[in-house]
Amino acid sequence: MNNHVMLIGKIYNDVEKIEVNDQVTYQLMLNISRNFKNQNGVYETDVLPIDLTNYVGSKVFQYCKKNDLIGIRGRLESKEGNLIKVVAEKVTFLSSNRELLNQK
């Protein structure tokens, strides 16, 4: 069995850095447009919570901001059968401060 997810969307809110007991995690909400219109002729969007692994999260936190377009490859994860979240293992910057990345 495989657990892979690939998403492309815009960052809905600025990336959050969360520090608890000397552990750092990063989270964001990803706004993903559907590729079909609803009954009213409007493209709907889904907003999904994304957890970022430490290294990936630090880079996204440093270089991306609200409304930047990113691609995510990761996995689905649930705790005790409850809410499913996406854990991003790789992020591709599709529209962000790429000039800064090239300077480093």
C-alpha atoms as a PDB file:
ATOM      1  CA  MET A   1       0.000   0.000   0.000  1.00  0.00           C
ATOM      2  CA  ASN A   2       1.101   3.536  -0.721  1.00  0.00           C
ATOM      3  CA  ASN A   3       0.187   6.767   0.980  1.00  0.00           C
ATOM      4  CA  HIS A   4       1.078   9.625  -1.370  1.00  0.00           C
ATOM      5  CA  VAL A   5      -0.617  12.927  -2.044  1.00  0.00           C
ATOM      6  CA  MET A   6       0.303  15.659  -4.512  1.00  0.00           C
ATOM      7  CA  LEU A   7      -1.333  19.078  -4.317  1.00  0.00           C
ATOM      8  CA  ILE A   8      -0.928  22.454  -5.992  1.00  0.00           C
ATOM      9  CA  GLY A   9      -2.473  25.506  -4.409  1.00  0.00           C
ATOM     10  CA  LYS A  10      -2.011  28.944  -2.932  1.00  0.00           C
ATOM     11  CA  ILE A  11      -0.967  29.541   0.639  1.00  0.00           C
ATOM     12  CA  TYR A  12      -4.135  30.705   2.421  1.00  0.00           C
ATOM     13  CA  ASN A  13      -2.395  32.205   5.454  1.00  0.00           C
ATOM     14  CA  ASP A  14       1.174  32.996   6.425  1.00  0.00           C
ATOM     15  CA  VAL A  15       3.149  29.950   7.520  1.00  0.00           C
ATOM     16  CA  GLU A  16       2.983  29.399  11.284  1.00  0.00           C
ATOM     17  CA  LYS A  17       6.035  28.401  13.289  1.00  0.00           C
ATOM     18  CA  ILE A  18       5.022  26.484  16.410  1.00  0.00           C
ATOM     19  CA  GLU A  19       7.495  25.807  19.209  1.00  0.00           C
ATOM     20  CA  VAL A  20       6.567  23.326  21.944  1.00  0.00           C
ATOM     21  CA  ASN A  21       9.103  21.832  24.376  1.00  0.00           C
ATOM     22  CA  ASP A  22      12.100  22.728  22.177  1.00  0.00           C
ATOM     23  CA  GLN A  23      10.458  21.131  19.124  1.00  0.00           C
ATOM     24  CA  VAL A  24       9.622  23.275  16.112  1.00  0.00           C
ATOM     25  CA  THR A  25       6.845  22.468  13.668  1.00  0.00           C
ATOM     26  CA  TYR A  26       5.374  24.472  10.812  1.00  0.00           C
ATOM     27  CA  GLN A  27       1.811  24.635   9.559  1.00  0.00           C
ATOM     28  CA  LEU A  28      -0.109  26.375   6.817  1.00  0.00           C
ATOM     29  CA  MET A  29      -3.492  26.248   5.143  1.00  0.00           C
ATOM     30  CA  LEU A  30      -3.470  25.506   1.402  1.00  0.00           C
ATOM     31  CA  ASN A  31      -6.202  26.912  -0.842  1.00  0.00           C
ATOM     32  CA  ILE A  32      -6.861  24.419  -3.667  1.00  0.00           C
ATOM     33  CA  SER A  33      -9.216  25.283  -6.529  1.00  0.00           C
ATOM     34  CA  ARG A  34     -11.414  22.575  -7.971  1.00  0.00           C
ATOM     35  CA  ASN A  35     -11.228  22.113 -11.753  1.00  0.00           C
ATOM     36  CA  PHE A  36     -14.986  22.137 -12.280  1.00  0.00           C
ATOM     37  CA  LYS A  37     -17.790  24.605 -11.638  1.00  0.00           C
ATOM     38  CA  ASN A  38     -20.624  24.074  -9.187  1.00  0.00           C
ATOM     39  CA  GLN A  39     -24.326  24.469 -10.039  1.00  0.00           C
ATOM     40  CA  ASN A  40     -23.959  28.260  -9.846  1.00  0.00           C
ATOM     41  CA  GLY A  41     -21.107  28.306 -12.371  1.00  0.00           C
ATOM     42  CA  VAL A  42     -18.454  29.081  -9.751  1.00  0.00           C
ATOM     43  CA  TYR A  43     -15.168  27.251  -9.193  1.00  0.00           C
ATOM     44  CA  GLU A  44     -15.122  26.189  -5.548  1.00  0.00           C
ATOM     45  CA  THR A  45     -11.979  25.911  -3.449  1.00  0.00           C
ATOM     46  CA  ASP A  46     -10.953  23.679  -0.586  1.00  0.00           C
ATOM     47  CA  VAL A  47      -8.730  24.872   2.247  1.00  0.00           C
ATOM     48  CA  LEU A  48      -6.635  22.050   3.703  1.00  0.00           C
ATOM     49  CA  PRO A  49      -4.368  22.054   6.767  1.00  0.00           C
ATOM     50  CA  ILE A  50      -0.769  21.155   5.916  1.00  0.00           C
ATOM     51  CA  ASP A  51       1.927  20.140   8.401  1.00  0.00           C
ATOM     52  CA  LEU A  52       5.482  20.638   7.205  1.00  0.00           C
ATOM     53  CA  THR A  53       8.507  18.583   8.197  1.00  0.00           C
ATOM     54  CA  ASN A  54      11.239  20.597   9.936  1.00  0.00           C
ATOM     55  CA  TYR A  55      13.627  21.260   7.044  1.00  0.00           C
ATOM     56  CA  VAL A  56      10.871  21.823   4.484  1.00  0.00           C
ATOM     57  CA  GLY A  57       8.920  23.947   6.949  1.00  0.00           C
ATOM     58  CA  SER A  58      11.867  26.204   7.708  1.00  0.00           C
ATOM     59  CA  LYS A  59      12.391  26.911   3.983  1.00  0.00           C
ATOM     60  CA  VAL A  60       8.701  27.599   3.340  1.00  0.00           C
ATOM     61  CA  PHE A  61       8.576  29.811   6.462  1.00  0.00           C
ATOM     62  CA  GLN A  62      11.617  31.727   5.234  1.00  0.00           C
ATOM     63  CA  TYR A  63      10.718  32.190   1.558  1.00  0.00           C
ATOM     64  CA  CYS A  64       6.941  31.949   1.125  1.00  0.00           C
ATOM     65  CA  LYS A  65       4.037  34.126   2.113  1.00  0.00           C
ATOM     66  CA  LYS A  66       0.272  34.270   1.801  1.00  0.00           C
ATOM     67  CA  ASN A  67      -1.025  33.730  -1.791  1.00  0.00           C
ATOM     68  CA  ASP A  68       2.224  32.154  -3.067  1.00  0.00           C
ATOM     69  CA  LEU A  69       1.616  29.171  -5.344  1.00  0.00           C
ATOM     70  CA  ILE A  70       3.299  25.954  -4.165  1.00  0.00           C
ATOM     71  CA  GLY A  71       3.282  22.277  -4.998  1.00  0.00           C
ATOM     72  CA  ILE A  72       3.277  19.720  -2.194  1.00  0.00           C
ATOM     73  CA  ARG A  73       4.204  16.058  -2.158  1.00  0.00           C
ATOM     74  CA  GLY A  74       3.500  14.246   1.068  1.00  0.00           C
ATOM     75  CA  ARG A  75       1.234  11.813   2.860  1.00  0.00           C
ATOM     76  CA  LEU A  76      -2.125  11.694   4.605  1.00  0.00           C
ATOM     77  CA  GLU A  77      -2.080  11.183   8.350  1.00  0.00           C
ATOM     78  CA  SER A  78      -4.817  10.700  10.921  1.00  0.00           C
ATOM     79  CA  LYS A  79      -4.763  10.344  14.665  1.00  0.00           C
ATOM     80  CA  GLU A  80      -7.081   7.786  16.198  1.00  0.00           C
ATOM     81  CA  GLY A  81      -9.236   7.753  13.071  1.00  0.00           C
ATOM     82  CA  ASN A  82     -10.101  11.449  13.344  1.00  0.00           C
ATOM     83  CA  LEU A  83      -9.342  14.426  11.145  1.00  0.00           C
ATOM     84  CA  ILE A  84      -7.038  13.651   8.265  1.00  0.00           C
ATOM     85  CA  LYS A  85      -4.192  16.078   7.633  1.00  0.00           C
ATOM     86  CA  VAL A  86      -1.542  16.337   4.978  1.00  0.00           C
ATOM     87  CA  VAL A  87       2.101  16.086   6.019  1.00  0.00           C
ATOM     88  CA  ALA A  88       4.286  17.745   3.383  1.00  0.00           C
ATOM     89  CA  GLU A  89       7.580  16.010   2.738  1.00  0.00           C
ATOM     90  CA  LYS A  90       8.604  18.052  -0.310  1.00  0.00           C
ATOM     91  CA  VAL A  91       7.524  21.512  -1.445  1.00  0.00           C
ATOM     92  CA  THR A  92       8.119  23.112  -4.818  1.00  0.00           C
ATOM     93  CA  PHE A  93       8.021  26.909  -4.943  1.00  0.00           C
ATOM     94  CA  LEU A  94       5.958  27.826  -7.985  1.00  0.00           C
ATOM     95  CA  SER A  95       5.618  31.560  -7.289  1.00  0.00           C
ATOM     96  CA  SER A  96       7.631  33.007  -4.443  1.00  0.00           C
ATOM     97  CA  ASN A  97      10.922  34.727  -3.814  1.00  0.00           C
ATOM     98  CA  ARG A  98      12.862  32.421  -6.120  1.00  0.00           C
ATOM     99  CA  GLU A  99      15.450  35.148  -6.626  1.00  0.00           C
ATOM    100  CA  LEU A 100      16.355  34.842  -2.938  1.00  0.00           C
ATOM    101  CA  LEU A 101      16.703  31.068  -3.268  1.00  0.00           C
ATOM    102  CA  ASN A 102      19.157  31.466  -6.115  1.00  0.00           C
ATOM    103  CA  GLN A 103      21.327  33.847  -4.077  1.00  0.00           C
ATOM    104  CA  LYS A 104      21.807  31.420  -1.168  1.00  0.00           C
END
